[in-house]
Amino acid sequence: MDIVDKSWEIQHDIEERAKRLGKGKYGRVFKMARKPTTDEYIKVMQITGLGLILIGGLGFLIYFLMNVLPGYLG
């Protein structure tokens, strides 16, 4: 089997999986899924941004306590 035949076989397998995508165990989820409204999208972005800021702040606080603060104490 040469590379062209192998690539056609792989392409056929990918197409078969794509056809069955909406019929398997995730089919119900795909049928219920919809595009979010602008308000929903903005809320998700705000919550995600807040989470990033909180986790970054916590990381900076740990860095500060581990590296900068011991210089002042000892």
PDB file of N, CA and C in Angstrom:
ATOM      1  N   MET A   1       0.854  -1.186   0.000  1.00  0.00           N
ATOM      2  CA  MET A   1       0.000   0.000   0.000  1.00  0.00           C
ATOM      3  C   MET A   1       0.894   1.242   0.000  1.00  0.00           C
ATOM      4  N   ASP A   2       0.678   2.085  -0.977  1.00  0.00           N
ATOM      5  CA  ASP A   2       1.502   3.290  -1.053  1.00  0.00           C
ATOM      6  C   ASP A   2       0.875   4.419  -0.228  1.00  0.00           C
ATOM      7  N   ILE A   3       1.542   5.540  -0.197  1.00  0.00           N
ATOM      8  CA  ILE A   3       1.121   6.656   0.658  1.00  0.00           C
ATOM      9  C   ILE A   3      -0.217   7.263   0.216  1.00  0.00           C
ATOM     10  N   VAL A   4      -0.495   7.227  -1.075  1.00  0.00           N
ATOM     11  CA  VAL A   4      -1.764   7.783  -1.568  1.00  0.00           C
ATOM     12  C   VAL A   4      -2.931   6.935  -1.078  1.00  0.00           C
ATOM     13  N   ASP A   5      -2.807   5.621  -1.171  1.00  0.00           N
ATOM     14  CA  ASP A   5      -3.863   4.737  -0.688  1.00  0.00           C
ATOM     15  C   ASP A   5      -4.058   4.887   0.816  1.00  0.00           C
ATOM     16  N   LYS A   6      -2.970   4.993   1.540  1.00  0.00           N
ATOM     17  CA  LYS A   6      -3.048   5.164   2.998  1.00  0.00           C
ATOM     18  C   LYS A   6      -3.733   6.481   3.355  1.00  0.00           C
ATOM     19  N   SER A   7      -3.413   7.541   2.624  1.00  0.00           N
ATOM     20  CA  SER A   7      -4.041   8.830   2.916  1.00  0.00           C
ATOM     21  C   SER A   7      -5.530   8.804   2.585  1.00  0.00           C
ATOM     22  N   TRP A   8      -5.927   8.112   1.499  1.00  0.00           N
ATOM     23  CA  TRP A   8      -7.354   7.985   1.183  1.00  0.00           C
ATOM     24  C   TRP A   8      -8.078   7.199   2.267  1.00  0.00           C
ATOM     25  N   GLU A   9      -7.427   6.177   2.794  1.00  0.00           N
ATOM     26  CA  GLU A   9      -8.033   5.375   3.860  1.00  0.00           C
ATOM     27  C   GLU A   9      -8.245   6.214   5.121  1.00  0.00           C
ATOM     28  N   ILE A  10      -7.243   7.008   5.473  1.00  0.00           N
ATOM     29  CA  ILE A  10      -7.357   7.890   6.641  1.00  0.00           C
ATOM     30  C   ILE A  10      -8.460   8.919   6.426  1.00  0.00           C
ATOM     31  N   GLN A  11      -8.520   9.498   5.220  1.00  0.00           N
ATOM     32  CA  GLN A  11      -9.558  10.476   4.903  1.00  0.00           C
ATOM     33  C   GLN A  11     -10.939   9.841   5.018  1.00  0.00           C
ATOM     34  N   HIS A  12     -11.100   8.621   4.528  1.00  0.00           N
ATOM     35  CA  HIS A  12     -12.387   7.925   4.601  1.00  0.00           C
ATOM     36  C   HIS A  12     -12.780   7.672   6.059  1.00  0.00           C
ATOM     37  N   ASP A  13     -11.827   7.261   6.892  1.00  0.00           N
ATOM     38  CA  ASP A  13     -12.115   7.042   8.309  1.00  0.00           C
ATOM     39  C   ASP A  13     -12.565   8.326   8.996  1.00  0.00           C
ATOM     40  N   ILE A  14     -11.912   9.435   8.681  1.00  0.00           N
ATOM     41  CA  ILE A  14     -12.284  10.723   9.278  1.00  0.00           C
ATOM     42  C   ILE A  14     -13.695  11.117   8.852  1.00  0.00           C
ATOM     43  N   GLU A  15     -14.024  10.930   7.591  1.00  0.00           N
ATOM     44  CA  GLU A  15     -15.364  11.275   7.105  1.00  0.00           C
ATOM     45  C   GLU A  15     -16.433  10.401   7.745  1.00  0.00           C
ATOM     46  N   GLU A  16     -16.155   9.131   7.949  1.00  0.00           N
ATOM     47  CA  GLU A  16     -17.117   8.238   8.598  1.00  0.00           C
ATOM     48  C   GLU A  16     -17.359   8.648  10.045  1.00  0.00           C
ATOM     49  N   ARG A  17     -16.305   9.034  10.749  1.00  0.00           N
ATOM     50  CA  ARG A  17     -16.473   9.499  12.136  1.00  0.00           C
ATOM     51  C   ARG A  17     -17.295  10.779  12.185  1.00  0.00           C
ATOM     52  N   ALA A  18     -17.073  11.664  11.229  1.00  0.00           N
ATOM     53  CA  ALA A  18     -17.819  12.924  11.194  1.00  0.00           C
ATOM     54  C   ALA A  18     -19.298  12.667  10.920  1.00  0.00           C
ATOM     55  N   LYS A  19     -19.617  11.683  10.106  1.00  0.00           N
ATOM     56  CA  LYS A  19     -21.020  11.364   9.827  1.00  0.00           C
ATOM     57  C   LYS A  19     -21.727  10.823  11.067  1.00  0.00           C
ATOM     58  N   ARG A  20     -21.008  10.046  11.880  1.00  0.00           N
ATOM     59  CA  ARG A  20     -21.610   9.448  13.069  1.00  0.00           C
ATOM     60  C   ARG A  20     -21.592  10.384  14.277  1.00  0.00           C
ATOM     61  N   LEU A  21     -21.018  11.553  14.151  1.00  0.00           N
ATOM     62  CA  LEU A  21     -20.805  12.449  15.279  1.00  0.00           C
ATOM     63  C   LEU A  21     -22.113  12.818  15.979  1.00  0.00           C
ATOM     64  N   GLY A  22     -23.156  13.091  15.243  1.00  0.00           N
ATOM     65  CA  GLY A  22     -24.415  13.498  15.845  1.00  0.00           C
ATOM     66  C   GLY A  22     -25.307  12.356  16.269  1.00  0.00           C
ATOM     67  N   LYS A  23     -24.867  11.112  16.093  1.00  0.00           N
ATOM     68  CA  LYS A  23     -25.707   9.965  16.394  1.00  0.00           C
ATOM     69  C   LYS A  23     -25.242   9.173  17.602  1.00  0.00           C
ATOM     70  N   GLY A  24     -24.067   9.429  18.087  1.00  0.00           N
ATOM     71  CA  GLY A  24     -23.506   8.665  19.194  1.00  0.00           C
ATOM     72  C   GLY A  24     -23.966   9.199  20.535  1.00  0.00           C
ATOM     73  N   LYS A  25     -23.148   8.967  21.541  1.00  0.00           N
ATOM     74  CA  LYS A  25     -23.518   9.381  22.895  1.00  0.00           C
ATOM     75  C   LYS A  25     -23.502  10.894  23.071  1.00  0.00           C
ATOM     76  N   TYR A  26     -22.827  11.624  22.169  1.00  0.00           N
ATOM     77  CA  TYR A  26     -22.797  13.083  22.259  1.00  0.00           C
ATOM     78  C   TYR A  26     -23.822  13.743  21.338  1.00  0.00           C
ATOM     79  N   GLY A  27     -24.573  12.966  20.617  1.00  0.00           N
ATOM     80  CA  GLY A  27     -25.546  13.509  19.676  1.00  0.00           C
ATOM     81  C   GLY A  27     -26.578  14.395  20.337  1.00  0.00           C
ATOM     82  N   ARG A  28     -27.046  13.990  21.500  1.00  0.00           N
ATOM     83  CA  ARG A  28     -28.053  14.790  22.217  1.00  0.00           C
ATOM     84  C   ARG A  28     -27.484  16.145  22.629  1.00  0.00           C
ATOM     85  N   VAL A  29     -26.243  16.149  23.048  1.00  0.00           N
ATOM     86  CA  VAL A  29     -25.600  17.408  23.441  1.00  0.00           C
ATOM     87  C   VAL A  29     -25.482  18.328  22.235  1.00  0.00           C
ATOM     88  N   PHE A  30     -25.067  17.779  21.087  1.00  0.00           N
ATOM     89  CA  PHE A  30     -24.937  18.596  19.882  1.00  0.00           C
ATOM     90  C   PHE A  30     -26.277  19.142  19.422  1.00  0.00           C
ATOM     91  N   LYS A  31     -27.337  18.374  19.587  1.00  0.00           N
ATOM     92  CA  LYS A  31     -28.657  18.842  19.164  1.00  0.00           C
ATOM     93  C   LYS A  31     -29.164  19.961  20.071  1.00  0.00           C
ATOM     94  N   MET A  32     -28.798  19.919  21.350  1.00  0.00           N
ATOM     95  CA  MET A  32     -29.258  20.940  22.295  1.00  0.00           C
ATOM     96  C   MET A  32     -28.383  22.189  22.263  1.00  0.00           C
ATOM     97  N   ALA A  33     -27.180  22.076  21.742  1.00  0.00           N
ATOM     98  CA  ALA A  33     -26.242  23.189  21.747  1.00  0.00           C
ATOM     99  C   ALA A  33     -26.719  24.309  20.826  1.00  0.00           C
ATOM    100  N   ARG A  34     -26.413  25.532  21.205  1.00  0.00           N
ATOM    101  CA  ARG A  34     -26.773  26.689  20.384  1.00  0.00           C
ATOM    102  C   ARG A  34     -25.699  27.754  20.558  1.00  0.00           C
ATOM    103  N   LYS A  35     -25.709  28.708  19.675  1.00  0.00           N
ATOM    104  CA  LYS A  35     -24.756  29.803  19.745  1.00  0.00           C
ATOM    105  C   LYS A  35     -25.168  30.727  20.895  1.00  0.00           C
ATOM    106  N   PRO A  36     -24.223  31.122  21.749  1.00  0.00           N
ATOM    107  CA  PRO A  36     -24.582  31.998  22.869  1.00  0.00           C
ATOM    108  C   PRO A  36     -24.947  33.406  22.382  1.00  0.00           C
ATOM    109  N   THR A  37     -25.819  34.042  23.146  1.00  0.00           N
ATOM    110  CA  THR A  37     -26.161  35.425  22.831  1.00  0.00           C
ATOM    111  C   THR A  37     -24.979  36.319  23.226  1.00  0.00           C
ATOM    112  N   THR A  38     -25.034  37.558  22.798  1.00  0.00           N
ATOM    113  CA  THR A  38     -23.961  38.503  23.119  1.00  0.00           C
ATOM    114  C   THR A  38     -23.847  38.699  24.624  1.00  0.00           C
ATOM    115  N   ASP A  39     -24.976  38.799  25.323  1.00  0.00           N
ATOM    116  CA  ASP A  39     -24.944  38.980  26.776  1.00  0.00           C
ATOM    117  C   ASP A  39     -24.320  37.777  27.475  1.00  0.00           C
ATOM    118  N   GLU A  40     -24.675  36.561  27.036  1.00  0.00           N
ATOM    119  CA  GLU A  40     -24.090  35.360  27.628  1.00  0.00           C
ATOM    120  C   GLU A  40     -22.584  35.317  27.392  1.00  0.00           C
ATOM    121  N   TYR A  41     -22.171  35.671  26.196  1.00  0.00           N
ATOM    122  CA  TYR A  41     -20.753  35.658  25.861  1.00  0.00           C
ATOM    123  C   TYR A  41     -19.980  36.660  26.715  1.00  0.00           C
ATOM    124  N   ILE A  42     -20.534  37.848  26.886  1.00  0.00           N
ATOM    125  CA  ILE A  42     -19.875  38.876  27.694  1.00  0.00           C
ATOM    126  C   ILE A  42     -19.760  38.422  29.145  1.00  0.00           C
ATOM    127  N   LYS A  43     -20.809  37.794  29.685  1.00  0.00           N
ATOM    128  CA  LYS A  43     -20.766  37.299  31.066  1.00  0.00           C
ATOM    129  C   LYS A  43     -19.674  36.243  31.232  1.00  0.00           C
ATOM    130  N   VAL A  44     -19.596  35.320  30.279  1.00  0.00           N
ATOM    131  CA  VAL A  44     -18.569  34.274  30.350  1.00  0.00           C
ATOM    132  C   VAL A  44     -17.181  34.897  30.298  1.00  0.00           C
ATOM    133  N   MET A  45     -16.986  35.886  29.427  1.00  0.00           N
ATOM    134  CA  MET A  45     -15.685  36.543  29.322  1.00  0.00           C
ATOM    135  C   MET A  45     -15.337  37.298  30.614  1.00  0.00           C
ATOM    136  N   GLN A  46     -16.317  37.928  31.228  1.00  0.00           N
ATOM    137  CA  GLN A  46     -16.063  38.647  32.482  1.00  0.00           C
ATOM    138  C   GLN A  46     -15.674  37.679  33.595  1.00  0.00           C
ATOM    139  N   ILE A  47     -16.382  36.581  33.708  1.00  0.00           N
ATOM    140  CA  ILE A  47     -16.085  35.598  34.749  1.00  0.00           C
ATOM    141  C   ILE A  47     -14.714  34.976  34.512  1.00  0.00           C
ATOM    142  N   THR A  48     -14.400  34.671  33.258  1.00  0.00           N
ATOM    143  CA  THR A  48     -13.099  34.104  32.933  1.00  0.00           C
ATOM    144  C   THR A  48     -11.985  35.104  33.248  1.00  0.00           C
ATOM    145  N   GLY A  49     -12.175  36.350  32.885  1.00  0.00           N
ATOM    146  CA  GLY A  49     -11.190  37.382  33.179  1.00  0.00           C
ATOM    147  C   GLY A  49     -10.977  37.560  34.672  1.00  0.00           C
ATOM    148  N   LEU A  50     -12.064  37.555  35.435  1.00  0.00           N
ATOM    149  CA  LEU A  50     -11.958  37.673  36.887  1.00  0.00           C
ATOM    150  C   LEU A  50     -11.175  36.496  37.465  1.00  0.00           C
ATOM    151  N   GLY A  51     -11.447  35.295  36.955  1.00  0.00           N
ATOM    152  CA  GLY A  51     -10.699  34.120  37.416  1.00  0.00           C
ATOM    153  C   GLY A  51      -9.219  34.223  37.117  1.00  0.00           C
ATOM    154  N   LEU A  52      -8.886  34.700  35.909  1.00  0.00           N
ATOM    155  CA  LEU A  52      -7.474  34.882  35.554  1.00  0.00           C
ATOM    156  C   LEU A  52      -6.794  35.896  36.463  1.00  0.00           C
ATOM    157  N   ILE A  53      -7.479  36.984  36.748  1.00  0.00           N
ATOM    158  CA  ILE A  53      -6.905  38.017  37.616  1.00  0.00           C
ATOM    159  C   ILE A  53      -6.702  37.479  39.030  1.00  0.00           C
ATOM    160  N   LEU A  54      -7.687  36.738  39.549  1.00  0.00           N
ATOM    161  CA  LEU A  54      -7.559  36.190  40.902  1.00  0.00           C
ATOM    162  C   LEU A  54      -6.422  35.170  40.986  1.00  0.00           C
ATOM    163  N   ILE A  55      -6.329  34.284  40.024  1.00  0.00           N
ATOM    164  CA  ILE A  55      -5.267  33.277  40.051  1.00  0.00           C
ATOM    165  C   ILE A  55      -3.905  33.937  39.863  1.00  0.00           C
ATOM    166  N   GLY A  56      -3.813  34.926  38.983  1.00  0.00           N
ATOM    167  CA  GLY A  56      -2.555  35.660  38.805  1.00  0.00           C
ATOM    168  C   GLY A  56      -2.166  36.418  40.054  1.00  0.00           C
ATOM    169  N   GLY A  57      -3.141  37.033  40.709  1.00  0.00           N
ATOM    170  CA  GLY A  57      -2.860  37.756  41.953  1.00  0.00           C
ATOM    171  C   GLY A  57      -2.388  36.824  43.049  1.00  0.00           C
ATOM    172  N   LEU A  58      -3.007  35.663  43.129  1.00  0.00           N
ATOM    173  CA  LEU A  58      -2.587  34.680  44.128  1.00  0.00           C
ATOM    174  C   LEU A  58      -1.164  34.203  43.845  1.00  0.00           C
ATOM    175  N   GLY A  59      -0.857  33.977  42.587  1.00  0.00           N
ATOM    176  CA  GLY A  59       0.503  33.577  42.218  1.00  0.00           C
ATOM    177  C   GLY A  59       1.524  34.643  42.550  1.00  0.00           C
ATOM    178  N   PHE A  60       1.172  35.899  42.283  1.00  0.00           N
ATOM    179  CA  PHE A  60       2.089  36.988  42.616  1.00  0.00           C
ATOM    180  C   PHE A  60       2.277  37.105  44.116  1.00  0.00           C
ATOM    181  N   LEU A  61       1.216  36.930  44.891  1.00  0.00           N
ATOM    182  CA  LEU A  61       1.304  36.997  46.345  1.00  0.00           C
ATOM    183  C   LEU A  61       2.220  35.901  46.877  1.00  0.00           C
ATOM    184  N   ILE A  62       2.088  34.708  46.345  1.00  0.00           N
ATOM    185  CA  ILE A  62       2.967  33.614  46.770  1.00  0.00           C
ATOM    186  C   ILE A  62       4.412  33.927  46.398  1.00  0.00           C
ATOM    187  N   TYR A  63       4.631  34.442  45.174  1.00  0.00           N
ATOM    188  CA  TYR A  63       5.979  34.829  44.761  1.00  0.00           C
ATOM    189  C   TYR A  63       6.547  35.886  45.709  1.00  0.00           C
ATOM    190  N   PHE A  64       5.734  36.870  46.031  1.00  0.00           N
ATOM    191  CA  PHE A  64       6.174  37.953  46.917  1.00  0.00           C
ATOM    192  C   PHE A  64       6.554  37.404  48.290  1.00  0.00           C
ATOM    193  N   LEU A  65       5.706  36.553  48.841  1.00  0.00           N
ATOM    194  CA  LEU A  65       5.975  36.005  50.166  1.00  0.00           C
ATOM    195  C   LEU A  65       7.211  35.104  50.180  1.00  0.00           C
ATOM    196  N   MET A  66       7.454  34.385  49.102  1.00  0.00           N
ATOM    197  CA  MET A  66       8.572  33.438  49.074  1.00  0.00           C
ATOM    198  C   MET A  66       9.911  34.114  48.750  1.00  0.00           C
ATOM    199  N   ASN A  67       9.911  35.185  47.968  1.00  0.00           N
ATOM    200  CA  ASN A  67      11.176  35.761  47.496  1.00  0.00           C
ATOM    201  C   ASN A  67      11.500  37.139  48.071  1.00  0.00           C
ATOM    202  N   VAL A  68      10.544  37.988  48.177  1.00  0.00           N
ATOM    203  CA  VAL A  68      10.828  39.367  48.577  1.00  0.00           C
ATOM    204  C   VAL A  68      10.758  39.532  50.087  1.00  0.00           C
ATOM    205  N   LEU A  69       9.760  38.988  50.704  1.00  0.00           N
ATOM    206  CA  LEU A  69       9.554  39.183  52.141  1.00  0.00           C
ATOM    207  C   LEU A  69      10.687  38.619  53.002  1.00  0.00           C
ATOM    208  N   PRO A  70      11.267  37.453  52.706  1.00  0.00           N
ATOM    209  CA  PRO A  70      12.368  36.964  53.568  1.00  0.00           C
ATOM    210  C   PRO A  70      13.575  37.897  53.612  1.00  0.00           C
ATOM    211  N   GLY A  71      13.802  38.719  52.595  1.00  0.00           N
ATOM    212  CA  GLY A  71      14.903  39.681  52.611  1.00  0.00           C
ATOM    213  C   GLY A  71      14.694  40.749  53.668  1.00  0.00           C
ATOM    214  N   TYR A  72      13.464  41.106  53.970  1.00  0.00           N
ATOM    215  CA  TYR A  72      13.165  42.117  54.965  1.00  0.00           C
ATOM    216  C   TYR A  72      13.199  41.545  56.379  1.00  0.00           C
ATOM    217  N   LEU A  73      12.945  40.262  56.519  1.00  0.00           N
ATOM    218  CA  LEU A  73      12.864  39.653  57.849  1.00  0.00           C
ATOM    219  C   LEU A  73      14.211  39.166  58.359  1.00  0.00           C
ATOM    220  N   GLY A  74      15.109  38.832  57.470  1.00  0.00           N
ATOM    221  CA  GLY A  74      16.339  38.235  57.964  1.00  0.00           C
ATOM    222  C   GLY A  74      17.496  38.887  57.445  1.00  0.00           C
TER     223      GLY A  74
END
